[in-house]
Amino acid sequence: IPRIVQATQEQFVPQMINFESVAGV
């Protein structure tokens, strides 16, 4: 389950890091 930190802000659309598959969308 990903966690965005300062170094990765604005790098990913949610699906690029499985956000929808871990019930985040």
mmCIF file of all heavy atoms, coordinates in Angstrom:
data_MODEL
# 
_entry.id   MODEL 
# 
loop_
_atom_site.group_PDB 
_atom_site.id 
_atom_site.type_symbol 
_atom_site.label_atom_id 
_atom_site.label_alt_id 
_atom_site.label_comp_id 
_atom_site.label_asym_id 
_atom_site.label_entity_id 
_atom_site.label_seq_id 
_atom_site.pdbx_PDB_ins_code 
_atom_site.Cartn_x 
_atom_site.Cartn_y 
_atom_site.Cartn_z 
_atom_site.occupancy 
_atom_site.B_iso_or_equiv 
_atom_site.pdbx_formal_charge 
_atom_site.auth_seq_id 
_atom_site.auth_comp_id 
_atom_site.auth_asym_id 
_atom_site.auth_atom_id 
_atom_site.pdbx_PDB_model_num 
ATOM 1   N N   . ILE A 1 1  ? 0.874   -1.172 0.000   1.00 0.00 ? 1  ILE A N   1 
ATOM 2   C CA  . ILE A 1 1  ? 0.000   0.000  0.000   1.00 0.00 ? 1  ILE A CA  1 
ATOM 3   C C   . ILE A 1 1  ? 0.911   1.222  0.000   1.00 0.00 ? 1  ILE A C   1 
ATOM 4   O O   . ILE A 1 1  ? 1.679   1.423  0.944   1.00 0.00 ? 1  ILE A O   1 
ATOM 5   C CB  . ILE A 1 1  ? -0.931  0.009  1.224   1.00 0.00 ? 1  ILE A CB  1 
ATOM 6   C CG1 . ILE A 1 1  ? -1.828  -1.233 1.206   1.00 0.00 ? 1  ILE A CG1 1 
ATOM 7   C CG2 . ILE A 1 1  ? -1.780  1.280  1.241   1.00 0.00 ? 1  ILE A CG2 1 
ATOM 8   C CD1 . ILE A 1 1  ? -2.696  -1.383 2.444   1.00 0.00 ? 1  ILE A CD1 1 
ATOM 9   N N   . PRO A 1 2  ? 0.865   2.031  -1.043  1.00 0.00 ? 2  PRO A N   1 
ATOM 10  C CA  . PRO A 1 2  ? 1.829   3.123  -1.173  1.00 0.00 ? 2  PRO A CA  1 
ATOM 11  C C   . PRO A 1 2  ? 1.553   4.264  -0.204  1.00 0.00 ? 2  PRO A C   1 
ATOM 12  O O   . PRO A 1 2  ? 0.444   4.445  0.285   1.00 0.00 ? 2  PRO A O   1 
ATOM 13  C CB  . PRO A 1 2  ? 1.628   3.582  -2.622  1.00 0.00 ? 2  PRO A CB  1 
ATOM 14  C CG  . PRO A 1 2  ? 0.189   3.274  -2.900  1.00 0.00 ? 2  PRO A CG  1 
ATOM 15  C CD  . PRO A 1 2  ? -0.093  1.993  -2.161  1.00 0.00 ? 2  PRO A CD  1 
ATOM 16  N N   . ARG A 1 3  ? 2.605   5.041  0.051   1.00 0.00 ? 3  ARG A N   1 
ATOM 17  C CA  . ARG A 1 3  ? 2.489   6.276  0.819   1.00 0.00 ? 3  ARG A CA  1 
ATOM 18  C C   . ARG A 1 3  ? 3.293   7.348  0.092   1.00 0.00 ? 3  ARG A C   1 
ATOM 19  O O   . ARG A 1 3  ? 4.490   7.185  -0.134  1.00 0.00 ? 3  ARG A O   1 
ATOM 20  C CB  . ARG A 1 3  ? 2.995   6.082  2.260   1.00 0.00 ? 3  ARG A CB  1 
ATOM 21  C CG  . ARG A 1 3  ? 3.033   7.370  3.073   1.00 0.00 ? 3  ARG A CG  1 
ATOM 22  C CD  . ARG A 1 3  ? 3.218   7.099  4.577   1.00 0.00 ? 3  ARG A CD  1 
ATOM 23  N NE  . ARG A 1 3  ? 4.372   6.265  4.867   1.00 0.00 ? 3  ARG A NE  1 
ATOM 24  C CZ  . ARG A 1 3  ? 5.608   6.718  5.089   1.00 0.00 ? 3  ARG A CZ  1 
ATOM 25  N NH1 . ARG A 1 3  ? 5.860   8.021  5.014   1.00 0.00 ? 3  ARG A NH1 1 
ATOM 26  N NH2 . ARG A 1 3  ? 6.598   5.890  5.372   1.00 0.00 ? 3  ARG A NH2 1 
ATOM 27  N N   . ILE A 1 4  ? 2.624   8.423  -0.270  1.00 0.00 ? 4  ILE A N   1 
ATOM 28  C CA  . ILE A 1 4  ? 3.305   9.509  -0.971  1.00 0.00 ? 4  ILE A CA  1 
ATOM 29  C C   . ILE A 1 4  ? 4.164   10.290 0.021   1.00 0.00 ? 4  ILE A C   1 
ATOM 30  O O   . ILE A 1 4  ? 3.724   10.638 1.121   1.00 0.00 ? 4  ILE A O   1 
ATOM 31  C CB  . ILE A 1 4  ? 2.282   10.452 -1.633  1.00 0.00 ? 4  ILE A CB  1 
ATOM 32  C CG1 . ILE A 1 4  ? 1.469   9.705  -2.699  1.00 0.00 ? 4  ILE A CG1 1 
ATOM 33  C CG2 . ILE A 1 4  ? 2.977   11.665 -2.245  1.00 0.00 ? 4  ILE A CG2 1 
ATOM 34  C CD1 . ILE A 1 4  ? 2.276   9.180  -3.859  1.00 0.00 ? 4  ILE A CD1 1 
ATOM 35  N N   . VAL A 1 5  ? 5.406   10.565 -0.377  1.00 0.00 ? 5  VAL A N   1 
ATOM 36  C CA  . VAL A 1 5  ? 6.315   11.411 0.390   1.00 0.00 ? 5  VAL A CA  1 
ATOM 37  C C   . VAL A 1 5  ? 6.722   12.582 -0.502  1.00 0.00 ? 5  VAL A C   1 
ATOM 38  O O   . VAL A 1 5  ? 6.353   12.648 -1.677  1.00 0.00 ? 5  VAL A O   1 
ATOM 39  C CB  . VAL A 1 5  ? 7.552   10.622 0.871   1.00 0.00 ? 5  VAL A CB  1 
ATOM 40  C CG1 . VAL A 1 5  ? 7.146   9.470  1.775   1.00 0.00 ? 5  VAL A CG1 1 
ATOM 41  C CG2 . VAL A 1 5  ? 8.348   10.088 -0.321  1.00 0.00 ? 5  VAL A CG2 1 
ATOM 42  N N   . GLN A 1 6  ? 7.481   13.508 0.049   1.00 0.00 ? 6  GLN A N   1 
ATOM 43  C CA  . GLN A 1 6  ? 7.825   14.711 -0.704  1.00 0.00 ? 6  GLN A CA  1 
ATOM 44  C C   . GLN A 1 6  ? 8.521   14.383 -2.027  1.00 0.00 ? 6  GLN A C   1 
ATOM 45  O O   . GLN A 1 6  ? 8.267   15.018 -3.052  1.00 0.00 ? 6  GLN A O   1 
ATOM 46  C CB  . GLN A 1 6  ? 8.703   15.622 0.149   1.00 0.00 ? 6  GLN A CB  1 
ATOM 47  C CG  . GLN A 1 6  ? 8.944   16.995 -0.448  1.00 0.00 ? 6  GLN A CG  1 
ATOM 48  C CD  . GLN A 1 6  ? 9.679   17.911 0.513   1.00 0.00 ? 6  GLN A CD  1 
ATOM 49  O OE1 . GLN A 1 6  ? 10.683  17.519 1.107   1.00 0.00 ? 6  GLN A OE1 1 
ATOM 50  N NE2 . GLN A 1 6  ? 9.188   19.114 0.685   1.00 0.00 ? 6  GLN A NE2 1 
ATOM 51  N N   . ALA A 1 7  ? 9.393   13.388 -2.018  1.00 0.00 ? 7  ALA A N   1 
ATOM 52  C CA  . ALA A 1 7  ? 10.154  13.053 -3.218  1.00 0.00 ? 7  ALA A CA  1 
ATOM 53  C C   . ALA A 1 7  ? 9.304   12.452 -4.334  1.00 0.00 ? 7  ALA A C   1 
ATOM 54  O O   . ALA A 1 7  ? 9.746   12.393 -5.484  1.00 0.00 ? 7  ALA A O   1 
ATOM 55  C CB  . ALA A 1 7  ? 11.283  12.076 -2.857  1.00 0.00 ? 7  ALA A CB  1 
ATOM 56  N N   . THR A 1 8  ? 8.093   12.004 -4.010  1.00 0.00 ? 8  THR A N   1 
ATOM 57  C CA  . THR A 1 8  ? 7.248   11.380 -5.030  1.00 0.00 ? 8  THR A CA  1 
ATOM 58  C C   . THR A 1 8  ? 5.959   12.164 -5.295  1.00 0.00 ? 8  THR A C   1 
ATOM 59  O O   . THR A 1 8  ? 5.070   11.669 -5.985  1.00 0.00 ? 8  THR A O   1 
ATOM 60  C CB  . THR A 1 8  ? 6.876   9.938  -4.630  1.00 0.00 ? 8  THR A CB  1 
ATOM 61  O OG1 . THR A 1 8  ? 6.204   9.939  -3.363  1.00 0.00 ? 8  THR A OG1 1 
ATOM 62  C CG2 . THR A 1 8  ? 8.114   9.065  -4.543  1.00 0.00 ? 8  THR A CG2 1 
ATOM 63  N N   . GLN A 1 9  ? 5.851   13.371 -4.759  1.00 0.00 ? 9  GLN A N   1 
ATOM 64  C CA  . GLN A 1 9  ? 4.671   14.184 -5.038  1.00 0.00 ? 9  GLN A CA  1 
ATOM 65  C C   . GLN A 1 9  ? 4.555   14.472 -6.531  1.00 0.00 ? 9  GLN A C   1 
ATOM 66  O O   . GLN A 1 9  ? 5.546   14.755 -7.209  1.00 0.00 ? 9  GLN A O   1 
ATOM 67  C CB  . GLN A 1 9  ? 4.746   15.512 -4.278  1.00 0.00 ? 9  GLN A CB  1 
ATOM 68  C CG  . GLN A 1 9  ? 4.412   15.416 -2.803  1.00 0.00 ? 9  GLN A CG  1 
ATOM 69  C CD  . GLN A 1 9  ? 4.343   16.786 -2.157  1.00 0.00 ? 9  GLN A CD  1 
ATOM 70  O OE1 . GLN A 1 9  ? 5.328   17.521 -2.156  1.00 0.00 ? 9  GLN A OE1 1 
ATOM 71  N NE2 . GLN A 1 9  ? 3.190   17.132 -1.600  1.00 0.00 ? 9  GLN A NE2 1 
ATOM 72  N N   . GLU A 1 10 ? 3.320   14.385 -7.042  1.00 0.00 ? 10 GLU A N   1 
ATOM 73  C CA  . GLU A 1 10 ? 2.983   14.706 -8.432  1.00 0.00 ? 10 GLU A CA  1 
ATOM 74  C C   . GLU A 1 10 ? 3.675   13.792 -9.446  1.00 0.00 ? 10 GLU A C   1 
ATOM 75  O O   . GLU A 1 10 ? 3.821   14.163 -10.612 1.00 0.00 ? 10 GLU A O   1 
ATOM 76  C CB  . GLU A 1 10 ? 3.285   16.177 -8.737  1.00 0.00 ? 10 GLU A CB  1 
ATOM 77  C CG  . GLU A 1 10 ? 2.513   17.139 -7.831  1.00 0.00 ? 10 GLU A CG  1 
ATOM 78  C CD  . GLU A 1 10 ? 2.664   18.588 -8.234  1.00 0.00 ? 10 GLU A CD  1 
ATOM 79  O OE1 . GLU A 1 10 ? 1.865   19.039 -9.073  1.00 0.00 ? 10 GLU A OE1 1 
ATOM 80  O OE2 . GLU A 1 10 ? 3.588   19.244 -7.712  1.00 0.00 ? 10 GLU A OE2 1 
ATOM 81  N N   . GLN A 1 11 ? 4.065   12.606 -9.016  1.00 0.00 ? 11 GLN A N   1 
ATOM 82  C CA  . GLN A 1 11 ? 4.705   11.654 -9.923  1.00 0.00 ? 11 GLN A CA  1 
ATOM 83  C C   . GLN A 1 11 ? 3.740   10.612 -10.471 1.00 0.00 ? 11 GLN A C   1 
ATOM 84  O O   . GLN A 1 11 ? 3.968   10.082 -11.557 1.00 0.00 ? 11 GLN A O   1 
ATOM 85  C CB  . GLN A 1 11 ? 5.858   10.936 -9.199  1.00 0.00 ? 11 GLN A CB  1 
ATOM 86  C CG  . GLN A 1 11 ? 6.997   11.837 -8.782  1.00 0.00 ? 11 GLN A CG  1 
ATOM 87  C CD  . GLN A 1 11 ? 7.706   12.454 -9.979  1.00 0.00 ? 11 GLN A CD  1 
ATOM 88  O OE1 . GLN A 1 11 ? 7.906   11.819 -11.004 1.00 0.00 ? 11 GLN A OE1 1 
ATOM 89  N NE2 . GLN A 1 11 ? 8.080   13.723 -9.839  1.00 0.00 ? 11 GLN A NE2 1 
ATOM 90  N N   . PHE A 1 12 ? 2.657   10.332 -9.735  1.00 0.00 ? 12 PHE A N   1 
ATOM 91  C CA  . PHE A 1 12 ? 1.837   9.180  -10.084 1.00 0.00 ? 12 PHE A CA  1 
ATOM 92  C C   . PHE A 1 12 ? 0.361   9.531  -10.190 1.00 0.00 ? 12 PHE A C   1 
ATOM 93  O O   . PHE A 1 12 ? -0.204  10.168 -9.299  1.00 0.00 ? 12 PHE A O   1 
ATOM 94  C CB  . PHE A 1 12 ? 1.968   8.080  -9.017  1.00 0.00 ? 12 PHE A CB  1 
ATOM 95  C CG  . PHE A 1 12 ? 3.372   7.773  -8.607  1.00 0.00 ? 12 PHE A CG  1 
ATOM 96  C CD1 . PHE A 1 12 ? 3.765   7.906  -7.274  1.00 0.00 ? 12 PHE A CD1 1 
ATOM 97  C CD2 . PHE A 1 12 ? 4.309   7.347  -9.529  1.00 0.00 ? 12 PHE A CD2 1 
ATOM 98  C CE1 . PHE A 1 12 ? 5.059   7.612  -6.880  1.00 0.00 ? 12 PHE A CE1 1 
ATOM 99  C CE2 . PHE A 1 12 ? 5.609   7.055  -9.144  1.00 0.00 ? 12 PHE A CE2 1 
ATOM 100 C CZ  . PHE A 1 12 ? 5.990   7.183  -7.825  1.00 0.00 ? 12 PHE A CZ  1 
ATOM 101 N N   . VAL A 1 13 ? -0.278  9.087  -11.269 1.00 0.00 ? 13 VAL A N   1 
ATOM 102 C CA  . VAL A 1 13 ? -1.726  8.949  -11.276 1.00 0.00 ? 13 VAL A CA  1 
ATOM 103 C C   . VAL A 1 13 ? -2.038  7.775  -10.345 1.00 0.00 ? 13 VAL A C   1 
ATOM 104 O O   . VAL A 1 13 ? -1.253  6.815  -10.269 1.00 0.00 ? 13 VAL A O   1 
ATOM 105 C CB  . VAL A 1 13 ? -2.238  8.682  -12.709 1.00 0.00 ? 13 VAL A CB  1 
ATOM 106 C CG1 . VAL A 1 13 ? -3.712  8.299  -12.720 1.00 0.00 ? 13 VAL A CG1 1 
ATOM 107 C CG2 . VAL A 1 13 ? -1.999  9.906  -13.578 1.00 0.00 ? 13 VAL A CG2 1 
ATOM 108 N N   . PRO A 1 14 ? -3.157  7.798  -9.597  1.00 0.00 ? 14 PRO A N   1 
ATOM 109 C CA  . PRO A 1 14 ? -3.401  6.754  -8.593  1.00 0.00 ? 14 PRO A CA  1 
ATOM 110 C C   . PRO A 1 14 ? -3.193  5.322  -9.074  1.00 0.00 ? 14 PRO A C   1 
ATOM 111 O O   . PRO A 1 14 ? -2.596  4.498  -8.362  1.00 0.00 ? 14 PRO A O   1 
ATOM 112 C CB  . PRO A 1 14 ? -4.856  7.010  -8.179  1.00 0.00 ? 14 PRO A CB  1 
ATOM 113 C CG  . PRO A 1 14 ? -5.014  8.485  -8.324  1.00 0.00 ? 14 PRO A CG  1 
ATOM 114 C CD  . PRO A 1 14 ? -4.205  8.852  -9.540  1.00 0.00 ? 14 PRO A CD  1 
ATOM 115 N N   . GLN A 1 15 ? -3.654  4.990  -10.276 1.00 0.00 ? 15 GLN A N   1 
ATOM 116 C CA  . GLN A 1 15 ? -3.544  3.603  -10.743 1.00 0.00 ? 15 GLN A CA  1 
ATOM 117 C C   . GLN A 1 15 ? -2.100  3.170  -10.985 1.00 0.00 ? 15 GLN A C   1 
ATOM 118 O O   . GLN A 1 15 ? -1.806  1.979  -10.976 1.00 0.00 ? 15 GLN A O   1 
ATOM 119 C CB  . GLN A 1 15 ? -4.352  3.406  -12.033 1.00 0.00 ? 15 GLN A CB  1 
ATOM 120 C CG  . GLN A 1 15 ? -5.853  3.530  -11.844 1.00 0.00 ? 15 GLN A CG  1 
ATOM 121 C CD  . GLN A 1 15 ? -6.352  4.932  -12.120 1.00 0.00 ? 15 GLN A CD  1 
ATOM 122 O OE1 . GLN A 1 15 ? -5.648  5.908  -11.885 1.00 0.00 ? 15 GLN A OE1 1 
ATOM 123 N NE2 . GLN A 1 15 ? -7.567  5.050  -12.634 1.00 0.00 ? 15 GLN A NE2 1 
ATOM 124 N N   . MET A 1 16 ? -1.198  4.116  -11.201 1.00 0.00 ? 16 MET A N   1 
ATOM 125 C CA  . MET A 1 16 ? 0.198   3.774  -11.433 1.00 0.00 ? 16 MET A CA  1 
ATOM 126 C C   . MET A 1 16 ? 0.826   3.136  -10.199 1.00 0.00 ? 16 MET A C   1 
ATOM 127 O O   . MET A 1 16 ? 1.841   2.435  -10.303 1.00 0.00 ? 16 MET A O   1 
ATOM 128 C CB  . MET A 1 16 ? 0.986   5.015  -11.854 1.00 0.00 ? 16 MET A CB  1 
ATOM 129 C CG  . MET A 1 16 ? 0.607   5.538  -13.227 1.00 0.00 ? 16 MET A CG  1 
ATOM 130 S SD  . MET A 1 16 ? 1.237   7.212  -13.562 1.00 0.00 ? 16 MET A SD  1 
ATOM 131 C CE  . MET A 1 16 ? 3.003   6.958  -13.496 1.00 0.00 ? 16 MET A CE  1 
ATOM 132 N N   . ILE A 1 17 ? 0.227   3.379  -9.011  1.00 0.00 ? 17 ILE A N   1 
ATOM 133 C CA  . ILE A 1 17 ? 0.737   2.756  -7.788  1.00 0.00 ? 17 ILE A CA  1 
ATOM 134 C C   . ILE A 1 17 ? -0.370  1.939  -7.101  1.00 0.00 ? 17 ILE A C   1 
ATOM 135 O O   . ILE A 1 17 ? -0.402  1.802  -5.876  1.00 0.00 ? 17 ILE A O   1 
ATOM 136 C CB  . ILE A 1 17 ? 1.355   3.795  -6.831  1.00 0.00 ? 17 ILE A CB  1 
ATOM 137 C CG1 . ILE A 1 17 ? 0.403   4.968  -6.569  1.00 0.00 ? 17 ILE A CG1 1 
ATOM 138 C CG2 . ILE A 1 17 ? 2.681   4.291  -7.384  1.00 0.00 ? 17 ILE A CG2 1 
ATOM 139 C CD1 . ILE A 1 17 ? 0.913   5.931  -5.509  1.00 0.00 ? 17 ILE A CD1 1 
ATOM 140 N N   . ASN A 1 18 ? -1.282  1.403  -7.929  1.00 0.00 ? 18 ASN A N   1 
ATOM 141 C CA  . ASN A 1 18 ? -2.301  0.430  -7.471  1.00 0.00 ? 18 ASN A CA  1 
ATOM 142 C C   . ASN A 1 18 ? -3.297  1.008  -6.482  1.00 0.00 ? 18 ASN A C   1 
ATOM 143 O O   . ASN A 1 18 ? -3.917  0.275  -5.709  1.00 0.00 ? 18 ASN A O   1 
ATOM 144 C CB  . ASN A 1 18 ? -1.646  -0.805 -6.838  1.00 0.00 ? 18 ASN A CB  1 
ATOM 145 C CG  . ASN A 1 18 ? -0.664  -1.494 -7.752  1.00 0.00 ? 18 ASN A CG  1 
ATOM 146 O OD1 . ASN A 1 18 ? -0.511  -1.121 -8.905  1.00 0.00 ? 18 ASN A OD1 1 
ATOM 147 N ND2 . ASN A 1 18 ? 0.010   -2.506 -7.235  1.00 0.00 ? 18 ASN A ND2 1 
ATOM 148 N N   . PHE A 1 19 ? -3.487  2.325  -6.502  1.00 0.00 ? 19 PHE A N   1 
ATOM 149 C CA  . PHE A 1 19 ? -4.332  2.951  -5.500  1.00 0.00 ? 19 PHE A CA  1 
ATOM 150 C C   . PHE A 1 19 ? -5.763  2.435  -5.543  1.00 0.00 ? 19 PHE A C   1 
ATOM 151 O O   . PHE A 1 19 ? -6.411  2.268  -4.507  1.00 0.00 ? 19 PHE A O   1 
ATOM 152 C CB  . PHE A 1 19 ? -4.302  4.468  -5.689  1.00 0.00 ? 19 PHE A CB  1 
ATOM 153 C CG  . PHE A 1 19 ? -4.182  5.245  -4.417  1.00 0.00 ? 19 PHE A CG  1 
ATOM 154 C CD1 . PHE A 1 19 ? -2.999  5.230  -3.689  1.00 0.00 ? 19 PHE A CD1 1 
ATOM 155 C CD2 . PHE A 1 19 ? -5.228  5.994  -3.931  1.00 0.00 ? 19 PHE A CD2 1 
ATOM 156 C CE1 . PHE A 1 19 ? -2.875  5.935  -2.511  1.00 0.00 ? 19 PHE A CE1 1 
ATOM 157 C CE2 . PHE A 1 19 ? -5.118  6.716  -2.755  1.00 0.00 ? 19 PHE A CE2 1 
ATOM 158 C CZ  . PHE A 1 19 ? -3.936  6.685  -2.037  1.00 0.00 ? 19 PHE A CZ  1 
ATOM 159 N N   . GLU A 1 20 ? -6.257  2.181  -6.744  1.00 0.00 ? 20 GLU A N   1 
ATOM 160 C CA  . GLU A 1 20 ? -7.638  1.680  -6.861  1.00 0.00 ? 20 GLU A CA  1 
ATOM 161 C C   . GLU A 1 20 ? -7.742  0.229  -6.406  1.00 0.00 ? 20 GLU A C   1 
ATOM 162 O O   . GLU A 1 20 ? -8.810  -0.205 -5.966  1.00 0.00 ? 20 GLU A O   1 
ATOM 163 C CB  . GLU A 1 20 ? -8.151  1.859  -8.302  1.00 0.00 ? 20 GLU A CB  1 
ATOM 164 C CG  . GLU A 1 20 ? -7.830  0.741  -9.274  1.00 0.00 ? 20 GLU A CG  1 
ATOM 165 C CD  . GLU A 1 20 ? -6.340  0.472  -9.510  1.00 0.00 ? 20 GLU A CD  1 
ATOM 166 O OE1 . GLU A 1 20 ? -5.477  1.292  -9.149  1.00 0.00 ? 20 GLU A OE1 1 
ATOM 167 O OE2 . GLU A 1 20 ? -6.039  -0.582 -10.085 1.00 0.00 ? 20 GLU A OE2 1 
ATOM 168 N N   . SER A 1 21 ? -6.660  -0.518 -6.470  1.00 0.00 ? 21 SER A N   1 
ATOM 169 C CA  . SER A 1 21 ? -6.677  -1.928 -6.080  1.00 0.00 ? 21 SER A CA  1 
ATOM 170 C C   . SER A 1 21 ? -6.546  -2.127 -4.574  1.00 0.00 ? 21 SER A C   1 
ATOM 171 O O   . SER A 1 21 ? -6.748  -3.235 -4.075  1.00 0.00 ? 21 SER A O   1 
ATOM 172 C CB  . SER A 1 21 ? -5.544  -2.684 -6.798  1.00 0.00 ? 21 SER A CB  1 
ATOM 173 O OG  . SER A 1 21 ? -5.776  -2.720 -8.195  1.00 0.00 ? 21 SER A OG  1 
ATOM 174 N N   . VAL A 1 22 ? -6.205  -1.078 -3.858  1.00 0.00 ? 22 VAL A N   1 
ATOM 175 C CA  . VAL A 1 22 ? -6.138  -1.142 -2.386  1.00 0.00 ? 22 VAL A CA  1 
ATOM 176 C C   . VAL A 1 22 ? -7.203  -0.238 -1.771  1.00 0.00 ? 22 VAL A C   1 
ATOM 177 O O   . VAL A 1 22 ? -7.048  0.277  -0.663  1.00 0.00 ? 22 VAL A O   1 
ATOM 178 C CB  . VAL A 1 22 ? -4.727  -0.793 -1.861  1.00 0.00 ? 22 VAL A CB  1 
ATOM 179 C CG1 . VAL A 1 22 ? -3.748  -1.903 -2.226  1.00 0.00 ? 22 VAL A CG1 1 
ATOM 180 C CG2 . VAL A 1 22 ? -4.243  0.555  -2.399  1.00 0.00 ? 22 VAL A CG2 1 
ATOM 181 N N   . ALA A 1 23 ? -8.306  -0.047 -2.526  1.00 0.00 ? 23 ALA A N   1 
ATOM 182 C CA  . ALA A 1 23 ? -9.504  0.670  -2.048  1.00 0.00 ? 23 ALA A CA  1 
ATOM 183 C C   . ALA A 1 23 ? -9.228  2.122  -1.705  1.00 0.00 ? 23 ALA A C   1 
ATOM 184 O O   . ALA A 1 23 ? -9.777  2.662  -0.740  1.00 0.00 ? 23 ALA A O   1 
ATOM 185 C CB  . ALA A 1 23 ? -10.122 -0.056 -0.852  1.00 0.00 ? 23 ALA A CB  1 
ATOM 186 N N   . GLY A 1 24 ? -8.385  2.779  -2.512  1.00 0.00 ? 24 GLY A N   1 
ATOM 187 C CA  . GLY A 1 24 ? -8.092  4.181  -2.289  1.00 0.00 ? 24 GLY A CA  1 
ATOM 188 C C   . GLY A 1 24 ? -8.822  5.130  -3.221  1.00 0.00 ? 24 GLY A C   1 
ATOM 189 O O   . GLY A 1 24 ? -8.675  6.342  -3.110  1.00 0.00 ? 24 GLY A O   1 
ATOM 190 N N   . VAL A 1 25 ? -9.603  4.574  -4.163  1.00 0.00 ? 25 VAL A N   1 
ATOM 191 C CA  . VAL A 1 25 ? -10.347 5.389  -5.128  1.00 0.00 ? 25 VAL A CA  1 
ATOM 192 C C   . VAL A 1 25 ? -11.781 4.893  -5.186  1.00 0.00 ? 25 VAL A C   1 
ATOM 193 O O   . VAL A 1 25 ? -12.029 3.684  -5.277  1.00 0.00 ? 25 VAL A O   1 
ATOM 194 C CB  . VAL A 1 25 ? -9.727  5.324  -6.537  1.00 0.00 ? 25 VAL A CB  1 
ATOM 195 C CG1 . VAL A 1 25 ? -10.516 6.205  -7.507  1.00 0.00 ? 25 VAL A CG1 1 
ATOM 196 C CG2 . VAL A 1 25 ? -8.266  5.729  -6.517  1.00 0.00 ? 25 VAL A CG2 1 
# 
